Amino acid sequence: MSAPGNRQLLELAGVTKTYGTGDTSVAALRDVSFSVDEGEFVAVMGPSGSGKSSLLALAGGLDTATSGEVFIQDTPLGSLGLADLARLRRRAVGYVFQDFNLIPTLTAVENAALPLELDGWKPAKAHRAARNALRQVGIEHLAGRFMDQLSGGQQQRVAIARAIIGERSLILADEPTGALDSVTGNGVLEVLRQRADAGAAVVMVTHEPRHAGWADRVVFLKDGRIVDQTALQNDPASLLVNR
């Protein structure tokens, strides 16, 4: 768990997100206030439609709040233009999407390296970092394969490698183990736990209580509101026993 006094890397302050207008409007989030410190791993749980994915999208600057404000590294996202927001996302935020969002015409190493290349890294340097990220999720040997040559679980690990590459201070993961078997899933959770222990803020949406057990804190959403938060005291290594 993050130590007292650690820097706050993510904050949602009184955030509401409404889709549509008038009688057809739907409130995905309702006055949510939520923060994550450096070195903290937070799991977000709740029933379908509770607002979990909306919370992640707002936290990563992929969507805008109807009211309230989102801060990353003390920067209010609402104050940024499109170019500055894109730059902040490339440098500070790693995002694991449920549907992976990989580019089929690029290889695994090229997909993983893409955020660094877009930020101006030379391809050779970016590819070295990408291979290291692929190694961390156990698929460096698949670096040269295209997406149609990979299974769903392998594609998911490419997406995770892309999210953890570089020095991202905030990692957002939407069901990152959904397409993985239990052994591979535990390996991915170990990687996320290691990133938090190294100082990143990690937020993971999950339906699995045993996966939430890797976190320092579990936040429960219902009908777009935070209804409970629970601090955990697990030794992460113990979660690998008989899993």
Protein backbone atom coordinates (compact mmCIF):
# COMPACT_ATOMS: atom_id res chain seq x y z
CA MET A 1 0.00 0.00 0.00
CA SER A 2 1.24 3.52 -0.69
CA ALA A 3 2.94 5.23 2.21
CA PRO A 4 1.47 8.34 3.81
CA GLY A 5 2.65 11.47 2.02
CA ASN A 6 3.08 9.84 -1.39
CA ARG A 7 2.32 12.13 -4.30
CA GLN A 8 -1.22 12.01 -5.63
CA LEU A 9 -1.06 11.05 -9.32
CA LEU A 10 -4.75 10.83 -10.18
CA GLU A 11 -7.77 12.66 -8.83
CA LEU A 12 -11.40 12.79 -9.90
CA ALA A 13 -13.06 15.70 -8.09
CA GLY A 14 -16.85 15.70 -8.04
CA VAL A 15 -17.04 14.11 -11.49
CA THR A 16 -20.36 13.47 -13.19
CA LYS A 17 -20.64 11.96 -16.68
CA THR A 18 -23.98 12.02 -18.47
CA TYR A 19 -24.65 10.60 -21.93
CA GLY A 20 -27.51 11.97 -24.00
CA THR A 21 -29.90 14.79 -23.13
CA GLY A 22 -33.39 15.25 -21.75
CA ASP A 23 -35.52 12.19 -21.10
CA THR A 24 -33.01 9.89 -22.81
CA SER A 25 -29.99 10.98 -20.74
CA VAL A 26 -28.09 8.38 -18.73
CA ALA A 27 -25.76 9.22 -15.85
CA ALA A 28 -22.75 6.90 -16.00
CA LEU A 29 -21.02 8.58 -13.04
CA ARG A 30 -22.60 10.73 -10.35
CA ASP A 31 -20.48 13.17 -8.33
CA VAL A 32 -17.53 10.77 -8.00
CA SER A 33 -14.48 11.85 -6.01
CA PHE A 34 -11.59 9.42 -6.16
CA SER A 35 -7.80 9.63 -5.99
CA VAL A 36 -4.79 7.34 -6.34
CA ASP A 37 -1.29 7.95 -5.01
CA GLU A 38 2.04 6.96 -6.50
CA GLY A 39 2.85 3.39 -5.55
CA GLU A 40 -0.82 2.49 -5.04
CA PHE A 41 -2.69 -0.31 -6.82
CA VAL A 42 -6.48 0.19 -6.79
CA ALA A 43 -9.05 -2.31 -8.04
CA VAL A 44 -12.48 -1.06 -9.14
CA MET A 45 -15.40 -3.48 -8.87
CA GLY A 46 -19.14 -3.30 -9.40
CA PRO A 47 -21.97 -4.80 -11.45
CA SER A 48 -22.28 -4.25 -15.19
CA GLY A 49 -23.42 -0.71 -15.90
CA SER A 50 -22.08 0.65 -12.63
CA GLY A 51 -19.71 3.09 -14.34
CA LYS A 52 -16.38 1.26 -14.10
CA SER A 53 -15.30 1.69 -17.71
CA SER A 54 -16.54 5.29 -17.74
CA LEU A 55 -14.39 6.01 -14.71
CA LEU A 56 -11.32 4.62 -16.47
CA ALA A 57 -12.04 6.54 -19.68
CA LEU A 58 -12.30 9.80 -17.76
CA ALA A 59 -9.23 9.00 -15.67
CA GLY A 60 -7.21 8.46 -18.84
CA GLY A 61 -8.42 11.58 -20.62
CA LEU A 62 -10.23 9.51 -23.26
CA ASP A 63 -13.55 11.17 -22.41
CA THR A 64 -14.56 14.46 -20.81
CA ALA A 65 -16.60 14.97 -17.67
CA THR A 66 -20.01 16.61 -17.82
CA SER A 67 -19.11 18.34 -14.57
CA GLY A 68 -16.25 18.16 -12.07
CA GLU A 69 -12.57 17.83 -12.93
CA VAL A 70 -9.96 15.16 -13.53
CA PHE A 71 -6.33 15.76 -12.54
CA ILE A 72 -3.29 13.76 -13.66
CA GLN A 73 -0.04 14.73 -11.92
CA ASP A 74 -1.89 17.83 -10.58
CA THR A 75 -2.75 18.94 -14.13
CA PRO A 76 -6.48 19.59 -14.71
CA LEU A 77 -7.35 17.80 -17.95
CA GLY A 78 -10.11 20.28 -18.70
CA SER A 79 -7.50 23.02 -19.09
CA LEU A 80 -5.56 21.22 -21.84
CA GLY A 81 -5.93 21.54 -25.59
CA LEU A 82 -6.07 18.44 -27.73
CA ALA A 83 -2.34 18.42 -28.51
CA ASP A 84 -1.29 18.87 -24.88
CA LEU A 85 -3.79 16.26 -23.72
CA ALA A 86 -2.48 13.75 -26.28
CA ARG A 87 1.10 14.47 -25.16
CA LEU A 88 0.21 13.93 -21.49
CA ARG A 89 -1.53 10.63 -22.32
CA ARG A 90 1.45 9.38 -24.34
CA ARG A 91 3.96 10.20 -21.63
CA ALA A 92 2.09 9.62 -18.39
CA VAL A 93 -0.76 7.18 -19.03
CA GLY A 94 -0.74 3.53 -20.05
CA TYR A 95 -4.18 2.16 -20.94
CA VAL A 96 -5.21 -1.48 -21.39
CA PHE A 97 -8.50 -1.59 -23.33
CA GLN A 98 -11.00 -4.45 -23.14
CA ASP A 99 -10.88 -4.81 -26.93
CA PHE A 100 -7.07 -4.30 -27.03
CA ASN A 101 -7.09 -1.48 -29.70
CA LEU A 102 -4.07 -2.95 -31.45
CA ILE A 103 -3.14 -2.10 -35.04
CA PRO A 104 -3.39 -5.26 -37.19
CA THR A 105 -0.81 -4.10 -39.76
CA LEU A 106 1.88 -3.74 -37.09
CA THR A 107 3.80 -6.53 -35.37
CA ALA A 108 3.69 -7.10 -31.63
CA VAL A 109 6.89 -5.15 -31.05
CA GLU A 110 5.71 -2.32 -33.31
CA ASN A 111 2.38 -2.08 -31.48
CA ALA A 112 4.12 -1.99 -28.11
CA ALA A 113 6.66 0.60 -29.29
CA LEU A 114 4.10 2.90 -30.93
CA PRO A 115 3.52 5.31 -27.99
CA LEU A 116 7.26 5.96 -27.69
CA GLU A 117 7.72 6.48 -31.42
CA LEU A 118 4.79 8.91 -31.48
CA ASP A 119 6.55 10.78 -28.68
CA GLY A 120 9.70 11.15 -30.79
CA TRP A 121 11.82 8.17 -29.75
CA LYS A 122 14.06 6.71 -32.44
CA PRO A 123 12.65 3.38 -33.66
CA ALA A 124 15.64 1.29 -32.53
CA LYS A 125 15.45 2.64 -28.98
CA ALA A 126 11.67 2.32 -28.87
CA HIS A 127 11.85 -1.28 -30.10
CA ARG A 128 14.40 -2.20 -27.41
CA ALA A 129 12.03 -0.85 -24.76
CA ALA A 130 9.12 -2.67 -26.42
CA ARG A 131 10.97 -6.00 -26.40
CA ASN A 132 11.67 -5.52 -22.69
CA ALA A 133 7.96 -4.87 -22.06
CA LEU A 134 7.02 -7.94 -24.10
CA ARG A 135 9.53 -9.94 -22.06
CA GLN A 136 7.84 -8.81 -18.84
CA VAL A 137 4.52 -10.27 -20.03
CA GLY A 138 6.12 -13.44 -21.36
CA ILE A 139 5.85 -13.04 -25.14
CA GLU A 140 9.14 -11.56 -26.35
CA HIS A 141 9.45 -14.59 -28.66
CA LEU A 142 6.33 -13.35 -30.51
CA ALA A 143 7.70 -9.85 -31.13
CA GLY A 144 7.72 -10.21 -34.92
CA ARG A 145 4.21 -11.62 -35.34
CA PHE A 146 1.20 -9.71 -36.64
CA MET A 147 -2.06 -9.62 -34.72
CA ASP A 148 -3.80 -12.23 -36.89
CA GLN A 149 -0.98 -14.61 -35.98
CA LEU A 150 -1.65 -14.26 -32.24
CA SER A 151 -4.34 -15.71 -29.98
CA GLY A 152 -6.68 -13.43 -28.05
CA GLY A 153 -4.65 -13.97 -24.89
CA GLN A 154 -1.40 -13.14 -26.68
CA GLN A 155 -2.94 -9.98 -28.13
CA GLN A 156 -4.04 -8.99 -24.65
CA ARG A 157 -0.45 -9.30 -23.44
CA VAL A 158 0.74 -7.10 -26.32
CA ALA A 159 -1.79 -4.50 -25.17
CA ILE A 160 -0.45 -4.75 -21.62
CA ALA A 161 3.14 -4.40 -22.86
CA ARG A 162 2.12 -1.24 -24.73
CA ALA A 163 0.58 0.14 -21.52
CA ILE A 164 3.60 -0.45 -19.30
CA ILE A 165 6.32 0.66 -21.74
CA GLY A 166 8.38 3.69 -20.83
CA GLU A 167 7.99 5.67 -17.64
CA ARG A 168 4.21 5.87 -17.41
CA SER A 169 3.22 7.07 -13.94
CA LEU A 170 -0.44 6.04 -14.31
CA ILE A 171 -1.58 2.64 -15.63
CA LEU A 172 -5.28 2.05 -16.26
CA ALA A 173 -6.39 -1.50 -17.03
CA ASP A 174 -9.91 -2.52 -18.03
CA GLU A 175 -10.28 -6.26 -17.30
CA PRO A 176 -6.62 -6.94 -18.24
CA THR A 177 -6.83 -10.68 -17.56
CA GLY A 178 -10.16 -11.31 -19.29
CA ALA A 179 -8.73 -13.41 -22.15
CA LEU A 180 -6.01 -15.15 -20.16
CA ASP A 181 -5.76 -18.47 -18.34
CA SER A 182 -5.19 -18.33 -14.59
CA VAL A 183 -1.41 -18.86 -14.74
CA THR A 184 -0.84 -16.21 -17.40
CA GLY A 185 -3.32 -13.90 -15.66
CA ASN A 186 -1.36 -14.15 -12.43
CA GLY A 187 1.78 -13.24 -14.35
CA VAL A 188 0.11 -10.08 -15.68
CA LEU A 189 -1.14 -9.16 -12.22
CA GLU A 190 2.41 -9.58 -10.92
CA VAL A 191 3.62 -7.12 -13.56
CA LEU A 192 0.98 -4.56 -12.55
CA ARG A 193 1.83 -5.08 -8.89
CA GLN A 194 5.54 -4.56 -9.66
CA ARG A 195 4.79 -1.33 -11.50
CA ALA A 196 2.89 -0.04 -8.48
CA ASP A 197 5.69 -1.11 -6.15
CA ALA A 198 8.09 0.82 -8.41
CA GLY A 199 6.02 4.00 -7.92
CA ALA A 200 3.30 4.01 -10.58
CA ALA A 201 -0.36 4.48 -9.76
CA VAL A 202 -2.35 1.51 -11.08
CA VAL A 203 -6.14 1.35 -11.47
CA MET A 204 -7.65 -1.94 -12.61
CA VAL A 205 -11.30 -2.75 -13.36
CA THR A 206 -12.11 -6.37 -12.57
CA HIS A 207 -15.03 -8.67 -11.83
CA GLU A 208 -12.81 -11.22 -10.07
CA PRO A 209 -12.36 -10.90 -6.28
CA ARG A 210 -9.15 -12.97 -6.42
CA HIS A 211 -7.69 -10.52 -8.94
CA ALA A 212 -8.72 -7.59 -6.75
CA GLY A 213 -6.72 -9.25 -4.00
CA TRP A 214 -3.52 -8.00 -5.67
CA ALA A 215 -4.55 -4.41 -4.99
CA ASP A 216 -3.95 -2.17 -1.99
CA ARG A 217 -7.51 -0.92 -2.08
CA VAL A 218 -10.80 -1.94 -3.67
CA VAL A 219 -13.34 0.69 -4.72
CA PHE A 220 -16.93 -0.47 -5.26
CA LEU A 221 -19.21 1.30 -7.75
CA LYS A 222 -22.99 1.01 -8.04
CA ASP A 223 -25.25 3.10 -10.26
CA GLY A 224 -22.42 5.50 -11.00
CA ARG A 225 -21.52 6.18 -7.36
CA ILE A 226 -18.75 4.96 -5.08
CA VAL A 227 -20.57 3.01 -2.40
CA ASP A 228 -17.64 1.52 -0.48
CA GLN A 229 -13.84 1.32 -0.30
CA THR A 230 -11.82 -1.41 1.37
CA ALA A 231 -8.10 -1.41 2.15
CA LEU A 232 -6.42 -4.80 1.72
CA GLN A 233 -3.45 -6.20 3.60
CA ASN A 234 -2.52 -9.16 1.41
CA ASP A 235 0.99 -10.32 0.75
CA PRO A 236 0.85 -10.48 -3.09
CA ALA A 237 3.12 -13.52 -3.20
CA SER A 238 0.54 -15.47 -1.20
CA LEU A 239 -1.95 -15.04 -4.04
CA LEU A 240 0.11 -17.33 -6.23
CA VAL A 241 -0.38 -20.28 -3.92
CA ASN A 242 -2.83 -22.85 -5.31
CA ARG A 243 -3.99 -20.48 -8.07
